[in-house]
Amino acid sequence: MTPHEVLRICAEEKLKKAGYRMVNRDEASDFIKKVGGPDIIAEKNGSWVIVEVKPLDRLARYEQAGVKLFS
């Protein structure tokens, strides 16, 4: 199993514990399909979360760009 796969599984488990259900790309809303191919798509009560899984050392550039990050 690659580090990316391990991180993806951990993120999915955290979302599931928060009450989100994992959605495959075919089930996602059209506006999410336009985003491309995120690693994880999840939904809870009409709220959607799209996740790109990245190792911590790669997140610095996202923070510098003002992107909201969750851990």
PDB file of N, CA and C in Angstrom:
ATOM      1  N   MET A   1       0.849  -1.171   0.000  1.00  0.00           N
ATOM      2  CA  MET A   1       0.000   0.000   0.000  1.00  0.00           C
ATOM      3  C   MET A   1       0.903   1.245   0.000  1.00  0.00           C
ATOM      4  N   THR A   2       0.581   2.198  -0.857  1.00  0.00           N
ATOM      5  CA  THR A   2       1.400   3.411  -0.957  1.00  0.00           C
ATOM      6  C   THR A   2       1.029   4.391   0.160  1.00  0.00           C
ATOM      7  N   PRO A   3       1.930   5.340   0.460  1.00  0.00           N
ATOM      8  CA  PRO A   3       1.594   6.359   1.467  1.00  0.00           C
ATOM      9  C   PRO A   3       0.329   7.138   1.088  1.00  0.00           C
ATOM     10  N   HIS A   4       0.133   7.404  -0.191  1.00  0.00           N
ATOM     11  CA  HIS A   4      -1.062   8.113  -0.650  1.00  0.00           C
ATOM     12  C   HIS A   4      -2.324   7.319  -0.309  1.00  0.00           C
ATOM     13  N   GLU A   5      -2.304   6.021  -0.527  1.00  0.00           N
ATOM     14  CA  GLU A   5      -3.458   5.175  -0.217  1.00  0.00           C
ATOM     15  C   GLU A   5      -3.755   5.178   1.280  1.00  0.00           C
ATOM     16  N   VAL A   6      -2.701   5.114   2.089  1.00  0.00           N
ATOM     17  CA  VAL A   6      -2.878   5.126   3.544  1.00  0.00           C
ATOM     18  C   VAL A   6      -3.516   6.439   3.980  1.00  0.00           C
ATOM     19  N   LEU A   7      -3.010   7.559   3.454  1.00  0.00           N
ATOM     20  CA  LEU A   7      -3.573   8.866   3.795  1.00  0.00           C
ATOM     21  C   LEU A   7      -5.037   8.979   3.346  1.00  0.00           C
ATOM     22  N   ARG A   8      -5.348   8.456   2.165  1.00  0.00           N
ATOM     23  CA  ARG A   8      -6.713   8.502   1.653  1.00  0.00           C
ATOM     24  C   ARG A   8      -7.659   7.720   2.563  1.00  0.00           C
ATOM     25  N   ILE A   9      -7.246   6.542   2.974  1.00  0.00           N
ATOM     26  CA  ILE A   9      -8.066   5.714   3.861  1.00  0.00           C
ATOM     27  C   ILE A   9      -8.284   6.418   5.202  1.00  0.00           C
ATOM     28  N   CYS A  10      -7.242   7.017   5.743  1.00  0.00           N
ATOM     29  CA  CYS A  10      -7.373   7.755   7.012  1.00  0.00           C
ATOM     30  C   CYS A  10      -8.360   8.912   6.876  1.00  0.00           C
ATOM     31  N   ALA A  11      -8.271   9.641   5.766  1.00  0.00           N
ATOM     32  CA  ALA A  11      -9.186  10.757   5.531  1.00  0.00           C
ATOM     33  C   ALA A  11     -10.624  10.263   5.404  1.00  0.00           C
ATOM     34  N   GLU A  12     -10.834   9.175   4.683  1.00  0.00           N
ATOM     35  CA  GLU A  12     -12.174   8.614   4.549  1.00  0.00           C
ATOM     36  C   GLU A  12     -12.735   8.209   5.906  1.00  0.00           C
ATOM     37  N   GLU A  13     -11.928   7.573   6.726  1.00  0.00           N
ATOM     38  CA  GLU A  13     -12.389   7.143   8.052  1.00  0.00           C
ATOM     39  C   GLU A  13     -12.774   8.347   8.912  1.00  0.00           C
ATOM     40  N   LYS A  14     -11.991   9.417   8.828  1.00  0.00           N
ATOM     41  CA  LYS A  14     -12.300  10.620   9.606  1.00  0.00           C
ATOM     42  C   LYS A  14     -13.625  11.228   9.142  1.00  0.00           C
ATOM     43  N   LEU A  15     -13.842  11.269   7.839  1.00  0.00           N
ATOM     44  CA  LEU A  15     -15.102  11.794   7.313  1.00  0.00           C
ATOM     45  C   LEU A  15     -16.288  10.910   7.716  1.00  0.00           C
ATOM     46  N   LYS A  16     -16.108   9.608   7.666  1.00  0.00           N
ATOM     47  CA  LYS A  16     -17.184   8.689   8.072  1.00  0.00           C
ATOM     48  C   LYS A  16     -17.556   8.902   9.536  1.00  0.00           C
ATOM     49  N   LYS A  17     -16.548   9.073  10.392  1.00  0.00           N
ATOM     50  CA  LYS A  17     -16.817   9.315  11.820  1.00  0.00           C
ATOM     51  C   LYS A  17     -17.573  10.617  12.030  1.00  0.00           C
ATOM     52  N   ALA A  18     -17.379  11.573  11.110  1.00  0.00           N
ATOM     53  CA  ALA A  18     -18.083  12.858  11.195  1.00  0.00           C
ATOM     54  C   ALA A  18     -19.475  12.780  10.554  1.00  0.00           C
ATOM     55  N   GLY A  19     -19.867  11.596  10.081  1.00  0.00           N
ATOM     56  CA  GLY A  19     -21.198  11.400   9.548  1.00  0.00           C
ATOM     57  C   GLY A  19     -21.335  11.559   8.037  1.00  0.00           C
ATOM     58  N   TYR A  20     -20.221  11.695   7.334  1.00  0.00           N
ATOM     59  CA  TYR A  20     -20.270  11.813   5.875  1.00  0.00           C
ATOM     60  C   TYR A  20     -20.342  10.437   5.238  1.00  0.00           C
ATOM     61  N   ARG A  21     -20.958  10.382   4.074  1.00  0.00           N
ATOM     62  CA  ARG A  21     -20.946   9.136   3.307  1.00  0.00           C
ATOM     63  C   ARG A  21     -20.077   9.368   2.079  1.00  0.00           C
ATOM     64  N   MET A  22     -19.302   8.361   1.753  1.00  0.00           N
ATOM     65  CA  MET A  22     -18.424   8.437   0.590  1.00  0.00           C
ATOM     66  C   MET A  22     -19.277   8.245  -0.662  1.00  0.00           C
ATOM     67  N   VAL A  23     -18.993   9.038  -1.675  1.00  0.00           N
ATOM     68  CA  VAL A  23     -19.757   9.029  -2.917  1.00  0.00           C
ATOM     69  C   VAL A  23     -18.789   8.797  -4.069  1.00  0.00           C
ATOM     70  N   ASN A  24     -19.150   7.911  -4.988  1.00  0.00           N
ATOM     71  CA  ASN A  24     -18.272   7.751  -6.149  1.00  0.00           C
ATOM     72  C   ASN A  24     -18.577   8.870  -7.140  1.00  0.00           C
ATOM     73  N   ARG A  25     -17.680   9.086  -8.050  1.00  0.00           N
ATOM     74  CA  ARG A  25     -17.786  10.215  -8.986  1.00  0.00           C
ATOM     75  C   ARG A  25     -19.094  10.176  -9.789  1.00  0.00           C
ATOM     76  N   ASP A  26     -19.549   8.992 -10.142  1.00  0.00           N
ATOM     77  CA  ASP A  26     -20.786   8.870 -10.922  1.00  0.00           C
ATOM     78  C   ASP A  26     -22.017   9.350 -10.156  1.00  0.00           C
ATOM     79  N   GLU A  27     -21.985   9.255  -8.831  1.00  0.00           N
ATOM     80  CA  GLU A  27     -23.106   9.677  -7.990  1.00  0.00           C
ATOM     81  C   GLU A  27     -23.056  11.160  -7.631  1.00  0.00           C
ATOM     82  N   ALA A  28     -21.913  11.791  -7.847  1.00  0.00           N
ATOM     83  CA  ALA A  28     -21.714  13.174  -7.411  1.00  0.00           C
ATOM     84  C   ALA A  28     -22.517  14.153  -8.261  1.00  0.00           C
ATOM     85  N   SER A  29     -22.763  15.313  -7.694  1.00  0.00           N
ATOM     86  CA  SER A  29     -23.443  16.386  -8.415  1.00  0.00           C
ATOM     87  C   SER A  29     -22.598  16.842  -9.596  1.00  0.00           C
ATOM     88  N   ASP A  30     -23.257  17.405 -10.592  1.00  0.00           N
ATOM     89  CA  ASP A  30     -22.550  17.847 -11.795  1.00  0.00           C
ATOM     90  C   ASP A  30     -21.469  18.872 -11.496  1.00  0.00           C
ATOM     91  N   PHE A  31     -21.722  19.781 -10.538  1.00  0.00           N
ATOM     92  CA  PHE A  31     -20.710  20.796 -10.245  1.00  0.00           C
ATOM     93  C   PHE A  31     -19.437  20.176  -9.677  1.00  0.00           C
ATOM     94  N   ILE A  32     -19.552  19.041  -9.019  1.00  0.00           N
ATOM     95  CA  ILE A  32     -18.360  18.356  -8.499  1.00  0.00           C
ATOM     96  C   ILE A  32     -17.648  17.628  -9.628  1.00  0.00           C
ATOM     97  N   LYS A  33     -18.395  17.054 -10.538  1.00  0.00           N
ATOM     98  CA  LYS A  33     -17.780  16.361 -11.670  1.00  0.00           C
ATOM     99  C   LYS A  33     -16.919  17.311 -12.502  1.00  0.00           C
ATOM    100  N   LYS A  34     -17.282  18.589 -12.530  1.00  0.00           N
ATOM    101  CA  LYS A  34     -16.515  19.575 -13.281  1.00  0.00           C
ATOM    102  C   LYS A  34     -15.152  19.862 -12.646  1.00  0.00           C
ATOM    103  N   VAL A  35     -15.012  19.555 -11.363  1.00  0.00           N
ATOM    104  CA  VAL A  35     -13.762  19.807 -10.649  1.00  0.00           C
ATOM    105  C   VAL A  35     -12.651  18.905 -11.167  1.00  0.00           C
ATOM    106  N   GLY A  36     -13.009  17.755 -11.629  1.00  0.00           N
ATOM    107  CA  GLY A  36     -12.011  16.792 -12.076  1.00  0.00           C
ATOM    108  C   GLY A  36     -12.163  15.502 -11.308  1.00  0.00           C
ATOM    109  N   GLY A  37     -11.059  14.976 -10.861  1.00  0.00           N
ATOM    110  CA  GLY A  37     -11.075  13.707 -10.152  1.00  0.00           C
ATOM    111  C   GLY A  37     -10.471  13.796  -8.770  1.00  0.00           C
ATOM    112  N   PRO A  38     -11.221  14.363  -7.802  1.00  0.00           N
ATOM    113  CA  PRO A  38     -10.676  14.421  -6.446  1.00  0.00           C
ATOM    114  C   PRO A  38     -10.484  13.017  -5.880  1.00  0.00           C
ATOM    115  N   ASP A  39      -9.628  12.916  -4.888  1.00  0.00           N
ATOM    116  CA  ASP A  39      -9.367  11.623  -4.252  1.00  0.00           C
ATOM    117  C   ASP A  39     -10.589  11.103  -3.497  1.00  0.00           C
ATOM    118  N   ILE A  40     -11.329  12.020  -2.874  1.00  0.00           N
ATOM    119  CA  ILE A  40     -12.494  11.631  -2.076  1.00  0.00           C
ATOM    120  C   ILE A  40     -13.626  12.613  -2.351  1.00  0.00           C
ATOM    121  N   ILE A  41     -14.826  12.073  -2.501  1.00  0.00           N
ATOM    122  CA  ILE A  41     -16.038  12.882  -2.570  1.00  0.00           C
ATOM    123  C   ILE A  41     -16.945  12.351  -1.467  1.00  0.00           C
ATOM    124  N   ALA A  42     -17.430  13.266  -0.623  1.00  0.00           N
ATOM    125  CA  ALA A  42     -18.290  12.859   0.486  1.00  0.00           C
ATOM    126  C   ALA A  42     -19.460  13.833   0.602  1.00  0.00           C
ATOM    127  N   GLU A  43     -20.575  13.329   1.169  1.00  0.00           N
ATOM    128  CA  GLU A  43     -21.786  14.136   1.299  1.00  0.00           C
ATOM    129  C   GLU A  43     -22.416  13.894   2.654  1.00  0.00           C
ATOM    130  N   LYS A  44     -22.978  14.977   3.214  1.00  0.00           N
ATOM    131  CA  LYS A  44     -23.698  14.878   4.481  1.00  0.00           C
ATOM    132  C   LYS A  44     -24.756  15.972   4.500  1.00  0.00           C
ATOM    133  N   ASN A  45     -26.007  15.584   4.544  1.00  0.00           N
ATOM    134  CA  ASN A  45     -27.125  16.536   4.622  1.00  0.00           C
ATOM    135  C   ASN A  45     -27.061  17.619   3.551  1.00  0.00           C
ATOM    136  N   GLY A  46     -26.700  17.243   2.343  1.00  0.00           N
ATOM    137  CA  GLY A  46     -26.646  18.196   1.249  1.00  0.00           C
ATOM    138  C   GLY A  46     -25.368  18.996   1.142  1.00  0.00           C
ATOM    139  N   SER A  47     -24.463  18.819   2.099  1.00  0.00           N
ATOM    140  CA  SER A  47     -23.153  19.484   2.033  1.00  0.00           C
ATOM    141  C   SER A  47     -22.146  18.514   1.433  1.00  0.00           C
ATOM    142  N   TRP A  48     -21.378  19.019   0.502  1.00  0.00           N
ATOM    143  CA  TRP A  48     -20.398  18.187  -0.197  1.00  0.00           C
ATOM    144  C   TRP A  48     -18.985  18.560   0.224  1.00  0.00           C
ATOM    145  N   VAL A  49     -18.135  17.545   0.296  1.00  0.00           N
ATOM    146  CA  VAL A  49     -16.722  17.741   0.577  1.00  0.00           C
ATOM    147  C   VAL A  49     -15.945  17.036  -0.520  1.00  0.00           C
ATOM    148  N   ILE A  50     -15.005  17.757  -1.125  1.00  0.00           N
ATOM    149  CA  ILE A  50     -14.093  17.110  -2.069  1.00  0.00           C
ATOM    150  C   ILE A  50     -12.700  17.204  -1.469  1.00  0.00           C
ATOM    151  N   VAL A  51     -11.968  16.109  -1.577  1.00  0.00           N
ATOM    152  CA  VAL A  51     -10.678  16.008  -0.894  1.00  0.00           C
ATOM    153  C   VAL A  51      -9.594  15.603  -1.876  1.00  0.00           C
ATOM    154  N   GLU A  52      -8.498  16.331  -1.820  1.00  0.00           N
ATOM    155  CA  GLU A  52      -7.269  15.940  -2.486  1.00  0.00           C
ATOM    156  C   GLU A  52      -6.302  15.546  -1.377  1.00  0.00           C
ATOM    157  N   VAL A  53      -5.825  14.336  -1.390  1.00  0.00           N
ATOM    158  CA  VAL A  53      -4.930  13.835  -0.353  1.00  0.00           C
ATOM    159  C   VAL A  53      -3.500  14.199  -0.728  1.00  0.00           C
ATOM    160  N   LYS A  54      -2.821  14.913   0.191  1.00  0.00           N
ATOM    161  CA  LYS A  54      -1.440  15.334  -0.026  1.00  0.00           C
ATOM    162  C   LYS A  54      -0.643  15.109   1.255  1.00  0.00           C
ATOM    163  N   PRO A  55       0.621  14.711   1.133  1.00  0.00           N
ATOM    164  CA  PRO A  55       1.477  14.627   2.318  1.00  0.00           C
ATOM    165  C   PRO A  55       1.677  16.021   2.912  1.00  0.00           C
ATOM    166  N   LEU A  56       1.912  16.094   4.187  1.00  0.00           N
ATOM    167  CA  LEU A  56       2.031  17.357   4.908  1.00  0.00           C
ATOM    168  C   LEU A  56       3.049  18.305   4.282  1.00  0.00           C
ATOM    169  N   ASP A  57       4.159  17.786   3.818  1.00  0.00           N
ATOM    170  CA  ASP A  57       5.191  18.669   3.266  1.00  0.00           C
ATOM    171  C   ASP A  57       4.744  19.372   1.987  1.00  0.00           C
ATOM    172  N   ARG A  58       3.711  18.883   1.338  1.00  0.00           N
ATOM    173  CA  ARG A  58       3.206  19.513   0.109  1.00  0.00           C
ATOM    174  C   ARG A  58       2.106  20.527   0.377  1.00  0.00           C
ATOM    175  N   LEU A  59       1.656  20.620   1.640  1.00  0.00           N
ATOM    176  CA  LEU A  59       0.544  21.514   1.953  1.00  0.00           C
ATOM    177  C   LEU A  59       0.964  22.963   2.166  1.00  0.00           C
ATOM    178  N   ALA A  60       2.232  23.219   2.355  1.00  0.00           N
ATOM    179  CA  ALA A  60       2.697  24.585   2.618  1.00  0.00           C
ATOM    180  C   ALA A  60       2.261  25.539   1.516  1.00  0.00           C
ATOM    181  N   ARG A  61       2.361  25.122   0.268  1.00  0.00           N
ATOM    182  CA  ARG A  61       1.982  26.024  -0.824  1.00  0.00           C
ATOM    183  C   ARG A  61       0.481  26.306  -0.830  1.00  0.00           C
ATOM    184  N   TYR A  62      -0.335  25.363  -0.357  1.00  0.00           N
ATOM    185  CA  TYR A  62      -1.769  25.599  -0.270  1.00  0.00           C
ATOM    186  C   TYR A  62      -2.071  26.640   0.819  1.00  0.00           C
ATOM    187  N   GLU A  63      -1.411  26.520   1.956  1.00  0.00           N
ATOM    188  CA  GLU A  63      -1.605  27.489   3.032  1.00  0.00           C
ATOM    189  C   GLU A  63      -1.199  28.886   2.577  1.00  0.00           C
ATOM    190  N   GLN A  64      -0.096  28.984   1.853  1.00  0.00           N
ATOM    191  CA  GLN A  64       0.370  30.273   1.354  1.00  0.00           C
ATOM    192  C   GLN A  64      -0.635  30.894   0.391  1.00  0.00           C
ATOM    193  N   ALA A  65      -1.387  30.075  -0.303  1.00  0.00           N
ATOM    194  CA  ALA A  65      -2.396  30.558  -1.252  1.00  0.00           C
ATOM    195  C   ALA A  65      -3.722  30.887  -0.549  1.00  0.00           C
ATOM    196  N   GLY A  66      -3.789  30.647   0.760  1.00  0.00           N
ATOM    197  CA  GLY A  66      -4.989  30.976   1.512  1.00  0.00           C
ATOM    198  C   GLY A  66      -6.085  29.921   1.429  1.00  0.00           C
ATOM    199  N   VAL A  67      -5.730  28.701   1.032  1.00  0.00           N
ATOM    200  CA  VAL A  67      -6.708  27.615   0.934  1.00  0.00           C
ATOM    201  C   VAL A  67      -7.017  27.111   2.339  1.00  0.00           C
ATOM    202  N   LYS A  68      -8.291  26.855   2.618  1.00  0.00           N
ATOM    203  CA  LYS A  68      -8.689  26.346   3.922  1.00  0.00           C
ATOM    204  C   LYS A  68      -8.331  24.867   4.001  1.00  0.00           C
ATOM    205  N   LEU A  69      -7.508  24.528   4.978  1.00  0.00           N
ATOM    206  CA  LEU A  69      -7.049  23.154   5.150  1.00  0.00           C
ATOM    207  C   LEU A  69      -7.636  22.558   6.419  1.00  0.00           C
ATOM    208  N   PHE A  70      -7.969  21.288   6.365  1.00  0.00           N
ATOM    209  CA  PHE A  70      -8.468  20.559   7.526  1.00  0.00           C
ATOM    210  C   PHE A  70      -7.516  19.399   7.799  1.00  0.00           C
ATOM    211  N   SER A  71      -7.348  19.103   9.066  1.00  0.00           N
ATOM    212  CA  SER A  71      -6.514  17.943   9.405  1.00  0.00           C
ATOM    213  C   SER A  71      -7.250  17.041  10.357  1.00  0.00           C
TER     214      SER A  71
END
